[in-house]
Amino acid sequence: MNASPTPDAGPYTRSGPRPGLLRRVLRRCLRTPIGVQSIIAVGLGALIGTLAPNAGEQMKILGDVFLNLVQVVVLPLVFPLIVLGIARMESVKKVGRIAGKAILYFELVTTAVLLIAVGLAKFTGIGKGAPVHGTDAKDLEGLSQGVDFHELVLHAVPKNIFEAFGEGNLLGAITFALLVGVAMAAIGEKAEPFASVLESVAAVMFKVVGYVIRVAPLGVLGFISYDVAHYGFGNLRSLAGFIAVVYAGLAIVVGVLFPLIATIYRIRYVELLKSIANLAGIAFVTRSSESVLAPLMVKLEAFGLSRSTTSFVVPLGYSFNTDGSVLYQAAALVFLANAYGADTSLPALLIMVGVLVILSKGMAGVASASIVVLIAAGNSIGLPAEGIALLLGVDFIVDMARTGVNVVGNSLAAAVVDSSEKRREAKRGPGEVARDADGTAAHGDGTQANATTRPEPPLEHALQKGTAQ
């Protein structure tokens, strides 16, 4: 008598997986917030780098691929956003006013951050007795020994915009976008077709960014695996004091200085932090603020900031408002000065702050920017570059924190400038006439027919919900 067929016959048995189980598990994993996925990737990366260092170093390619994906979309997205933001402003005078406010804010906050770092490092006395005399400077051979301001100016004004795009020259792209935006605002209705093209480009790029951010945990896994495998934790003990001072200084900046600024301008600082927390976390573990540039502008716009301000101030801040990086540089210089027994009197420290205020503005477009500026500042006050080689062993640890703080600092800068502009508009009143560069009237009732009177189309819907969160 033949046995009757069982209902479990086929490729799936009672002991095997049920149909669709793997698909449901993968779907649930993909629905996990990006921040949670990144935290899991950090743990896995540290484990791989510790237990299998050879494999950990090879996994760096995942991080490099992620950063390449980010960098390839940054300029095609930032350029149209800046152009549209400038074109929608009421006048050329407003463009100059916002730029002036942003630069002034950057200078004041950078100086305050430097004073905090130098004071904290001087108070704790970090670097005394550090083993700098036996360091090897071979890791610094490929880095520039200074910042050429002549080259910096040429970097900001490129002779070929396509070459600037190919090199990823963000500062040059901002300059060209500023000129295009002003020209569009000046010609009015004739710029409408080009504005529509730029809006379509921006929407498409936002969609691409959404795809790229989905693979951020893989980039995190690659970077953490490589960092742990390549650098290890051998220098942590001798440089624990330096790391602690840098993190303490960054905590003071985020927990004291930034809230004070936010209070003055009536900005909901805690809510701002909550809205960008995941993006700051991604920047923290990838050590790249560019990886969150596009979604950061979306978040700030959703927070209530105007797109015209955000799309101009945030990219500009990426070049001139690196609060976390300048704090690290100041602490590192005091560390080296103490280690070599150099002068750390008040006049010497003030000179150090002045040098960093100037050199930190030359970081835009410079590879290994923080180390390059640190070498240049050290040379200017008589410190040998060999000591900086000691700090390279723990650079990835402090780099994560300073990158995250850079993201928070630029978000606050955009909020401050936007708040200042809204206060000014509130004082002017809805009926006041604004004059553009040509002297034409732009009334509050919106009767002027140019690109600035169109409502801003919502672009944030192009990002998927999971990415925006």
Protein backbone atom coordinates (compact mmCIF):
# COMPACT_ATOMS: atom_id res chain seq x y z
CA MET A 1 0.00 0.00 0.00
CA ASN A 2 1.48 3.31 -1.04
CA ALA A 3 1.98 5.95 1.60
CA SER A 4 -0.06 9.06 1.18
CA PRO A 5 1.92 12.19 0.40
CA THR A 6 2.63 14.48 3.30
CA PRO A 7 1.66 18.12 3.18
CA ASP A 8 5.31 19.09 3.82
CA ALA A 9 6.65 17.50 0.64
CA GLY A 10 8.82 19.81 -1.40
CA PRO A 11 11.91 21.90 -0.82
CA TYR A 12 10.68 23.14 2.58
CA THR A 13 10.27 20.50 5.30
CA ARG A 14 9.12 20.78 8.89
CA SER A 15 12.73 21.10 10.01
CA GLY A 16 13.57 23.66 7.31
CA PRO A 17 12.65 27.32 7.01
CA ARG A 18 9.11 28.26 6.17
CA PRO A 19 8.38 29.85 2.79
CA GLY A 20 8.99 33.61 2.93
CA LEU A 21 10.63 33.52 6.37
CA LEU A 22 13.97 34.80 5.09
CA ARG A 23 12.21 37.49 3.10
CA ARG A 24 10.29 38.66 6.16
CA VAL A 25 13.47 38.72 8.27
CA LEU A 26 15.31 40.79 5.66
CA ARG A 27 12.36 43.14 5.33
CA ARG A 28 12.25 43.65 9.09
CA CYS A 29 15.99 44.33 9.16
CA LEU A 30 15.65 46.92 6.40
CA ARG A 31 12.86 48.63 8.31
CA THR A 32 15.14 49.06 11.33
CA PRO A 33 16.14 52.75 11.70
CA ILE A 34 19.44 53.69 10.11
CA GLY A 35 20.82 54.76 13.49
CA VAL A 36 20.18 51.33 15.00
CA GLN A 37 21.71 49.62 11.97
CA SER A 38 24.79 51.83 12.30
CA ILE A 39 25.18 51.00 15.99
CA ILE A 40 25.04 47.30 15.17
CA ALA A 41 27.61 47.88 12.43
CA VAL A 42 29.92 49.59 14.92
CA GLY A 43 29.83 46.55 17.20
CA LEU A 44 30.39 44.10 14.35
CA GLY A 45 33.21 46.22 12.94
CA ALA A 46 35.02 46.42 16.27
CA LEU A 47 34.66 42.66 16.67
CA ILE A 48 35.99 41.93 13.19
CA GLY A 49 38.88 44.38 13.55
CA THR A 50 39.90 42.81 16.86
CA LEU A 51 39.50 39.11 16.05
CA ALA A 52 40.42 39.17 12.34
CA PRO A 53 42.59 42.25 11.67
CA ASN A 54 43.56 41.15 8.16
CA ALA A 55 39.92 40.87 7.16
CA GLY A 56 39.18 44.13 8.96
CA GLU A 57 41.72 46.04 6.89
CA GLN A 58 40.30 44.59 3.68
CA MET A 59 36.80 45.75 4.64
CA LYS A 60 37.87 49.37 4.27
CA ILE A 61 36.66 49.10 0.68
CA LEU A 62 33.06 49.15 1.98
CA GLY A 63 33.67 52.51 3.61
CA ASP A 64 35.48 53.88 0.58
CA VAL A 65 32.64 52.83 -1.73
CA PHE A 66 30.09 54.51 0.55
CA LEU A 67 32.06 57.77 0.64
CA ASN A 68 32.47 57.69 -3.13
CA LEU A 69 28.72 57.30 -3.51
CA VAL A 70 28.20 60.26 -1.20
CA GLN A 71 30.75 62.49 -2.89
CA VAL A 72 29.47 61.76 -6.37
CA VAL A 73 26.05 63.19 -5.48
CA VAL A 74 27.06 66.10 -3.21
CA LEU A 75 27.85 68.72 -5.85
CA PRO A 76 25.00 67.79 -8.25
CA LEU A 77 22.63 68.35 -5.31
CA VAL A 78 24.25 71.29 -3.53
CA PHE A 79 24.68 73.35 -6.70
CA PRO A 80 20.99 73.56 -7.73
CA LEU A 81 19.91 74.10 -4.12
CA ILE A 82 22.27 77.05 -3.68
CA VAL A 83 21.30 78.54 -7.04
CA LEU A 84 17.57 78.25 -6.30
CA GLY A 85 18.06 79.57 -2.77
CA ILE A 86 19.88 82.66 -4.03
CA ALA A 87 17.43 83.21 -6.92
CA ARG A 88 14.46 83.22 -4.53
CA MET A 89 15.91 85.91 -2.29
CA GLU A 90 14.29 89.33 -2.59
CA SER A 91 17.44 91.11 -3.69
CA VAL A 92 21.17 90.86 -4.21
CA LYS A 93 21.51 92.90 -1.03
CA LYS A 94 19.92 90.05 0.93
CA VAL A 95 22.47 87.60 -0.48
CA GLY A 96 25.30 89.79 0.76
CA ARG A 97 23.59 90.30 4.09
CA ILE A 98 23.17 86.56 4.72
CA ALA A 99 26.74 85.87 3.64
CA GLY A 100 28.02 88.61 5.93
CA LYS A 101 26.03 87.31 8.89
CA ALA A 102 27.23 83.77 8.27
CA ILE A 103 30.92 84.74 8.01
CA LEU A 104 30.69 86.94 11.12
CA TYR A 105 29.02 84.12 13.05
CA PHE A 106 31.65 81.64 11.90
CA GLU A 107 34.50 83.90 13.04
CA LEU A 108 32.99 84.68 16.45
CA VAL A 109 32.07 81.09 17.27
CA THR A 110 35.39 79.72 16.01
CA THR A 111 37.26 82.15 18.24
CA ALA A 112 35.12 81.20 21.25
CA VAL A 113 35.72 77.48 20.57
CA LEU A 114 39.47 78.06 20.32
CA LEU A 115 39.55 79.93 23.63
CA ILE A 116 37.63 77.10 25.30
CA ALA A 117 40.05 74.51 23.93
CA VAL A 118 43.21 76.42 24.83
CA GLY A 119 41.93 77.24 28.32
CA LEU A 120 40.92 73.66 29.02
CA ALA A 121 44.19 72.24 27.69
CA LYS A 122 46.23 74.77 29.67
CA PHE A 123 44.27 74.07 32.85
CA THR A 124 44.72 70.29 32.61
CA GLY A 125 48.35 70.47 31.50
CA ILE A 126 48.01 67.76 28.87
CA GLY A 127 51.17 66.70 27.07
CA LYS A 128 53.66 67.07 29.91
CA GLY A 129 55.92 64.03 29.81
CA ALA A 130 54.43 62.68 26.57
CA PRO A 131 56.84 60.43 24.60
CA VAL A 132 57.15 62.70 21.57
CA HIS A 133 60.93 62.54 21.15
CA GLY A 134 60.85 59.01 19.83
CA THR A 135 58.12 59.52 17.26
CA ASP A 136 58.47 58.72 13.59
CA ALA A 137 57.35 61.39 11.14
CA LYS A 138 57.21 59.13 8.09
CA ASP A 139 53.38 59.14 8.22
CA LEU A 140 53.48 62.89 7.56
CA GLU A 141 55.56 62.71 4.39
CA GLY A 142 52.55 62.86 2.05
CA LEU A 143 50.99 65.87 3.73
CA SER A 144 51.48 69.49 2.87
CA GLN A 145 53.59 71.49 5.30
CA GLY A 146 51.39 74.55 5.12
CA VAL A 147 48.34 76.28 3.69
CA ASP A 148 48.90 78.37 0.56
CA PHE A 149 46.40 81.23 0.68
CA HIS A 150 47.14 82.11 -2.93
CA GLU A 151 46.04 78.62 -3.93
CA LEU A 152 43.06 78.87 -1.58
CA VAL A 153 41.76 81.97 -3.38
CA LEU A 154 42.21 80.29 -6.76
CA HIS A 155 40.47 77.23 -5.33
CA ALA A 156 37.47 79.40 -4.46
CA VAL A 157 37.39 80.98 -7.94
CA PRO A 158 37.96 78.11 -10.40
CA LYS A 159 38.79 78.79 -14.02
CA ASN A 160 36.76 75.78 -15.19
CA ILE A 161 33.54 74.88 -13.40
CA PHE A 162 33.48 71.40 -14.93
CA GLU A 163 36.98 70.77 -13.63
CA ALA A 164 35.87 72.03 -10.22
CA PHE A 165 32.95 69.60 -10.26
CA GLY A 166 35.27 66.79 -11.29
CA GLU A 167 37.64 67.55 -8.41
CA GLY A 168 34.81 67.85 -5.89
CA ASN A 169 35.69 71.51 -5.27
CA LEU A 170 32.78 72.51 -3.01
CA LEU A 171 34.06 76.03 -2.40
CA GLY A 172 34.42 76.74 -6.12
CA ALA A 173 30.95 75.33 -6.78
CA ILE A 174 29.50 77.65 -4.11
CA THR A 175 31.13 80.67 -5.77
CA PHE A 176 29.78 79.75 -9.20
CA ALA A 177 26.33 78.93 -7.80
CA LEU A 178 26.27 82.34 -6.11
CA LEU A 179 26.91 84.07 -9.45
CA VAL A 180 24.28 81.99 -11.27
CA GLY A 181 21.69 82.58 -8.55
CA VAL A 182 22.24 86.35 -8.58
CA ALA A 183 21.95 86.38 -12.38
CA MET A 184 18.68 84.40 -12.26
CA ALA A 185 17.23 86.81 -9.71
CA ALA A 186 18.22 89.74 -11.93
CA ILE A 187 16.60 88.50 -15.18
CA GLY A 188 13.34 87.44 -13.50
CA GLU A 189 10.83 85.50 -15.62
CA LYS A 190 13.41 84.53 -18.25
CA ALA A 191 15.06 82.29 -15.64
CA GLU A 192 11.90 80.25 -15.01
CA PRO A 193 12.73 77.38 -17.44
CA PHE A 194 16.21 76.99 -16.00
CA ALA A 195 14.79 77.11 -12.47
CA SER A 196 12.39 74.28 -13.35
CA VAL A 197 15.32 72.20 -14.63
CA LEU A 198 17.28 72.81 -11.43
CA GLU A 199 14.27 71.83 -9.31
CA SER A 200 13.99 68.56 -11.23
CA VAL A 201 17.72 67.90 -10.82
CA ALA A 202 17.49 68.56 -7.08
CA ALA A 203 14.49 66.25 -6.70
CA VAL A 204 16.29 63.44 -8.55
CA MET A 205 19.45 63.93 -6.49
CA PHE A 206 17.43 63.80 -3.26
CA LYS A 207 16.08 60.45 -4.39
CA VAL A 208 19.61 59.23 -5.11
CA VAL A 209 20.72 60.40 -1.67
CA GLY A 210 17.92 58.33 -0.17
CA TYR A 211 19.33 55.25 -1.88
CA VAL A 212 22.89 56.05 -0.76
CA ILE A 213 21.97 56.61 2.89
CA ARG A 214 20.37 53.17 2.99
CA VAL A 215 23.82 51.58 2.60
CA ALA A 216 25.41 53.78 5.28
CA PRO A 217 25.62 50.89 7.81
CA LEU A 218 27.84 48.98 5.37
CA GLY A 219 30.14 51.98 5.16
CA VAL A 220 30.19 52.17 8.95
CA LEU A 221 31.06 48.48 9.15
CA GLY A 222 33.96 48.95 6.75
CA PHE A 223 35.40 52.01 8.47
CA ILE A 224 35.20 50.66 12.01
CA SER A 225 36.68 47.30 10.99
CA TYR A 226 39.60 49.04 9.30
CA ASP A 227 40.22 51.57 12.09
CA VAL A 228 40.32 48.96 14.82
CA ALA A 229 42.45 46.57 12.74
CA HIS A 230 44.87 49.21 11.45
CA TYR A 231 45.34 51.51 14.43
CA GLY A 232 44.47 49.24 17.31
CA PHE A 233 44.36 50.64 20.82
CA GLY A 234 48.06 50.68 21.64
CA ASN A 235 48.38 54.47 21.95
CA LEU A 236 45.21 54.93 23.95
CA ARG A 237 46.95 54.61 27.31
CA SER A 238 49.66 57.20 26.68
CA LEU A 239 47.25 59.62 24.99
CA ALA A 240 44.19 59.00 27.15
CA GLY A 241 44.53 62.47 28.70
CA PHE A 242 44.58 64.16 25.31
CA ILE A 243 41.53 62.22 24.14
CA ALA A 244 39.68 63.04 27.36
CA VAL A 245 40.42 66.77 27.05
CA VAL A 246 39.26 66.86 23.41
CA TYR A 247 36.02 65.06 24.23
CA ALA A 248 35.47 67.26 27.29
CA GLY A 249 36.01 70.38 25.19
CA LEU A 250 33.58 69.16 22.55
CA ALA A 251 31.05 68.37 25.29
CA ILE A 252 31.39 71.93 26.62
CA VAL A 253 30.85 73.34 23.13
CA VAL A 254 27.75 71.21 22.47
CA GLY A 255 26.38 71.36 26.01
CA VAL A 256 27.20 74.96 27.05
CA LEU A 257 28.28 77.23 24.18
CA PHE A 258 25.73 76.09 21.61
CA PRO A 259 22.76 76.17 24.03
CA LEU A 260 23.80 79.69 25.07
CA ILE A 261 23.80 80.83 21.45
CA ALA A 262 20.49 79.09 20.83
CA THR A 263 18.94 80.81 23.86
CA ILE A 264 20.02 84.24 22.62
CA TYR A 265 18.35 83.62 19.25
CA ARG A 266 15.35 81.73 20.71
CA ILE A 267 16.15 78.51 18.91
CA ARG A 268 14.72 75.23 20.21
CA TYR A 269 18.13 73.66 20.66
CA VAL A 270 17.03 70.33 22.16
CA GLU A 271 14.49 69.82 19.37
CA LEU A 272 17.16 70.73 16.82
CA LEU A 273 19.49 68.11 18.27
CA LYS A 274 16.76 65.50 18.20
CA SER A 275 15.99 66.21 14.56
CA ILE A 276 19.60 65.80 13.41
CA ALA A 277 20.76 63.18 15.94
CA ASN A 278 20.78 60.27 13.48
CA LEU A 279 22.67 62.28 10.88
CA ALA A 280 25.25 63.43 13.42
CA GLY A 281 25.62 59.78 14.44
CA ILE A 282 26.29 58.72 10.84
CA ALA A 283 28.86 61.50 10.48
CA PHE A 284 30.41 60.35 13.78
CA VAL A 285 31.02 56.76 12.72
CA THR A 286 31.90 57.48 9.07
CA ARG A 287 34.14 60.44 10.00
CA SER A 288 32.71 62.35 7.06
CA SER A 289 30.34 65.29 7.39
CA GLU A 290 29.77 65.22 3.62
CA SER A 291 27.96 61.91 4.03
CA VAL A 292 25.01 63.74 5.62
CA LEU A 293 25.13 67.10 3.83
CA ALA A 294 22.07 66.54 1.65
CA PRO A 295 19.75 64.93 4.23
CA LEU A 296 20.90 67.52 6.78
CA MET A 297 19.46 70.33 4.67
CA VAL A 298 16.21 68.39 4.36
CA LYS A 299 16.05 67.95 8.14
CA LEU A 300 16.70 71.64 8.77
CA GLU A 301 14.01 72.65 6.31
CA ALA A 302 11.58 70.28 8.04
CA PHE A 303 12.63 71.87 11.35
CA GLY A 304 11.33 75.21 10.06
CA LEU A 305 14.33 76.88 8.44
CA SER A 306 13.89 78.51 5.04
CA ARG A 307 15.47 76.67 2.14
CA SER A 308 17.12 79.82 0.79
CA THR A 309 19.06 80.25 4.04
CA THR A 310 19.82 76.58 4.64
CA SER A 311 21.02 75.82 1.13
CA PHE A 312 23.49 78.72 1.34
CA VAL A 313 24.73 78.69 4.94
CA VAL A 314 25.21 74.94 5.45
CA PRO A 315 27.52 74.33 2.45
CA LEU A 316 29.42 77.51 3.29
CA GLY A 317 29.80 76.29 6.86
CA TYR A 318 31.31 73.03 5.65
CA SER A 319 34.25 75.11 4.44
CA PHE A 320 34.47 77.83 7.10
CA ASN A 321 32.71 76.60 10.25
CA THR A 322 34.49 73.48 11.48
CA ASP A 323 34.01 73.96 15.23
CA GLY A 324 35.00 70.44 16.23
CA SER A 325 38.14 70.46 14.09
CA VAL A 326 39.46 73.78 15.38
CA LEU A 327 38.94 72.64 18.98
CA TYR A 328 40.99 69.52 18.26
CA GLN A 329 43.75 71.59 16.65
CA ALA A 330 43.96 73.99 19.59
CA ALA A 331 44.12 71.15 22.13
CA ALA A 332 46.74 69.36 20.01
CA LEU A 333 48.95 72.46 19.82
CA VAL A 334 48.87 72.95 23.59
CA PHE A 335 49.59 69.22 24.01
CA LEU A 336 52.67 69.48 21.77
CA ALA A 337 53.80 72.74 23.38
CA ASN A 338 53.72 71.09 26.82
CA ALA A 339 55.42 67.94 25.51
CA TYR A 340 58.33 69.87 24.01
CA GLY A 341 58.54 72.37 26.86
CA ALA A 342 57.64 75.33 24.65
CA ASP A 343 56.28 78.63 25.91
CA THR A 344 52.66 78.33 27.07
CA SER A 345 52.28 81.75 28.65
CA LEU A 346 49.15 83.79 28.02
CA PRO A 347 50.67 85.87 25.17
CA ALA A 348 51.95 82.70 23.49
CA LEU A 349 48.54 81.04 23.78
CA LEU A 350 46.81 84.12 22.34
CA ILE A 351 49.21 84.05 19.39
CA MET A 352 48.35 80.38 18.95
CA VAL A 353 44.64 81.21 18.89
CA GLY A 354 45.20 83.98 16.34
CA VAL A 355 47.18 81.69 14.07
CA LEU A 356 44.46 79.03 14.18
CA VAL A 357 41.68 81.58 13.54
CA ILE A 358 43.45 82.44 10.28
CA LEU A 359 44.65 78.99 9.23
CA SER A 360 41.37 77.22 10.03
CA LYS A 361 39.75 79.19 7.21
CA GLY A 362 42.21 77.58 4.83
CA MET A 363 40.90 74.08 5.44
CA ALA A 364 38.47 74.06 2.53
CA GLY A 365 39.46 71.64 -0.20
CA VAL A 366 42.64 70.49 1.56
CA ALA A 367 43.21 66.76 1.93
CA SER A 368 43.70 65.62 5.57
CA ALA A 369 42.69 69.17 6.45
CA SER A 370 42.96 69.01 10.24
CA ILE A 371 46.45 67.50 10.17
CA VAL A 372 47.62 69.91 7.46
CA VAL A 373 46.44 72.96 9.42
CA LEU A 374 47.94 71.50 12.60
CA ILE A 375 51.33 71.14 10.89
CA ALA A 376 51.14 74.67 9.50
CA ALA A 377 50.16 76.15 12.86
CA GLY A 378 52.87 74.17 14.65
CA ASN A 379 55.51 75.40 12.23
CA SER A 380 54.36 78.99 12.66
CA ILE A 381 54.94 78.87 16.42
CA GLY A 382 58.10 76.76 16.30
CA LEU A 383 56.82 73.25 17.08
CA PRO A 384 58.35 70.31 15.16
CA ALA A 385 56.06 68.26 12.95
CA GLU A 386 57.42 64.99 14.34
CA GLY A 387 55.26 65.27 17.46
CA ILE A 388 52.11 65.30 15.35
CA ALA A 389 52.93 61.76 14.22
CA LEU A 390 52.20 60.59 17.77
CA LEU A 391 48.66 61.95 17.51
CA LEU A 392 47.93 60.11 14.27
CA GLY A 393 47.53 56.85 16.17
CA VAL A 394 44.44 58.17 17.95
CA ASP A 395 43.30 60.59 15.27
CA PHE A 396 40.43 58.34 14.18
CA ILE A 397 39.01 58.36 17.73
CA VAL A 398 38.91 62.15 18.06
CA ASP A 399 38.04 62.56 14.38
CA MET A 400 34.69 60.86 14.94
CA ALA A 401 33.71 63.31 17.69
CA ARG A 402 34.92 66.44 15.96
CA THR A 403 33.07 65.48 12.76
CA GLY A 404 29.81 65.00 14.66
CA VAL A 405 30.25 68.38 16.34
CA ASN A 406 30.90 70.00 12.95
CA VAL A 407 27.46 68.80 11.82
CA VAL A 408 25.77 70.19 14.94
CA GLY A 409 27.66 73.48 14.62
CA ASN A 410 26.64 74.02 11.01
CA SER A 411 23.03 73.20 11.81
CA LEU A 412 23.01 75.79 14.58
CA ALA A 413 24.70 78.34 12.32
CA ALA A 414 21.95 77.97 9.72
CA ALA A 415 19.30 78.27 12.45
CA VAL A 416 20.91 81.44 13.85
CA VAL A 417 21.13 83.16 10.46
CA ASP A 418 17.58 82.12 9.61
CA SER A 419 16.29 83.39 12.96
CA SER A 420 18.06 86.71 12.41
CA GLU A 421 16.49 87.08 8.98
CA LYS A 422 13.01 86.25 10.27
CA ARG A 423 13.36 88.82 13.04
CA ARG A 424 14.36 91.43 10.48
CA GLU A 425 11.40 90.59 8.25
CA ALA A 426 9.05 90.79 11.24
CA LYS A 427 10.31 94.29 12.07
CA ARG A 428 9.93 95.43 8.46
CA GLY A 429 6.27 94.43 8.28
CA PRO A 430 4.36 92.89 5.35
CA GLY A 431 3.70 96.13 3.51
CA GLU A 432 7.21 97.51 3.37
CA VAL A 433 8.84 97.74 -0.03
CA ALA A 434 12.11 95.91 -0.61
CA ARG A 435 14.45 97.21 -3.28
CA ASP A 436 16.61 94.89 -5.35
CA ALA A 437 19.98 95.69 -6.87
CA ASP A 438 18.39 97.40 -9.89
CA GLY A 439 16.10 99.57 -7.80
CA THR A 440 12.87 97.79 -8.79
CA ALA A 441 10.20 97.38 -6.15
CA ALA A 442 9.34 94.00 -4.67
CA HIS A 443 6.11 94.57 -2.73
CA GLY A 444 4.88 92.41 0.09
CA ASP A 445 1.76 91.50 -1.92
CA GLY A 446 3.89 89.52 -4.36
CA THR A 447 3.16 91.69 -7.42
CA GLN A 448 6.70 91.55 -8.77
CA ALA A 449 6.88 88.90 -11.49
CA ASN A 450 10.21 87.20 -11.04
CA ALA A 451 11.66 83.97 -9.69
CA THR A 452 11.54 85.18 -6.11
CA THR A 453 7.74 85.28 -5.93
CA ARG A 454 7.20 81.59 -6.57
CA PRO A 455 6.43 79.42 -3.57
CA GLU A 456 9.17 76.99 -2.66
CA PRO A 457 8.21 73.54 -3.94
CA PRO A 458 8.57 70.83 -1.31
CA LEU A 459 11.55 68.66 -2.25
CA GLU A 460 11.77 66.69 0.97
CA HIS A 461 9.16 64.19 -0.21
CA ALA A 462 11.82 62.80 -2.56
CA LEU A 463 13.55 61.27 0.42
CA GLN A 464 11.92 58.09 1.64
CA LYS A 465 10.57 58.03 5.16
CA GLY A 466 13.18 55.62 6.42
CA THR A 467 15.99 57.88 5.15
CA ALA A 468 14.48 61.05 6.56
CA GLN A 469 14.24 59.38 9.95
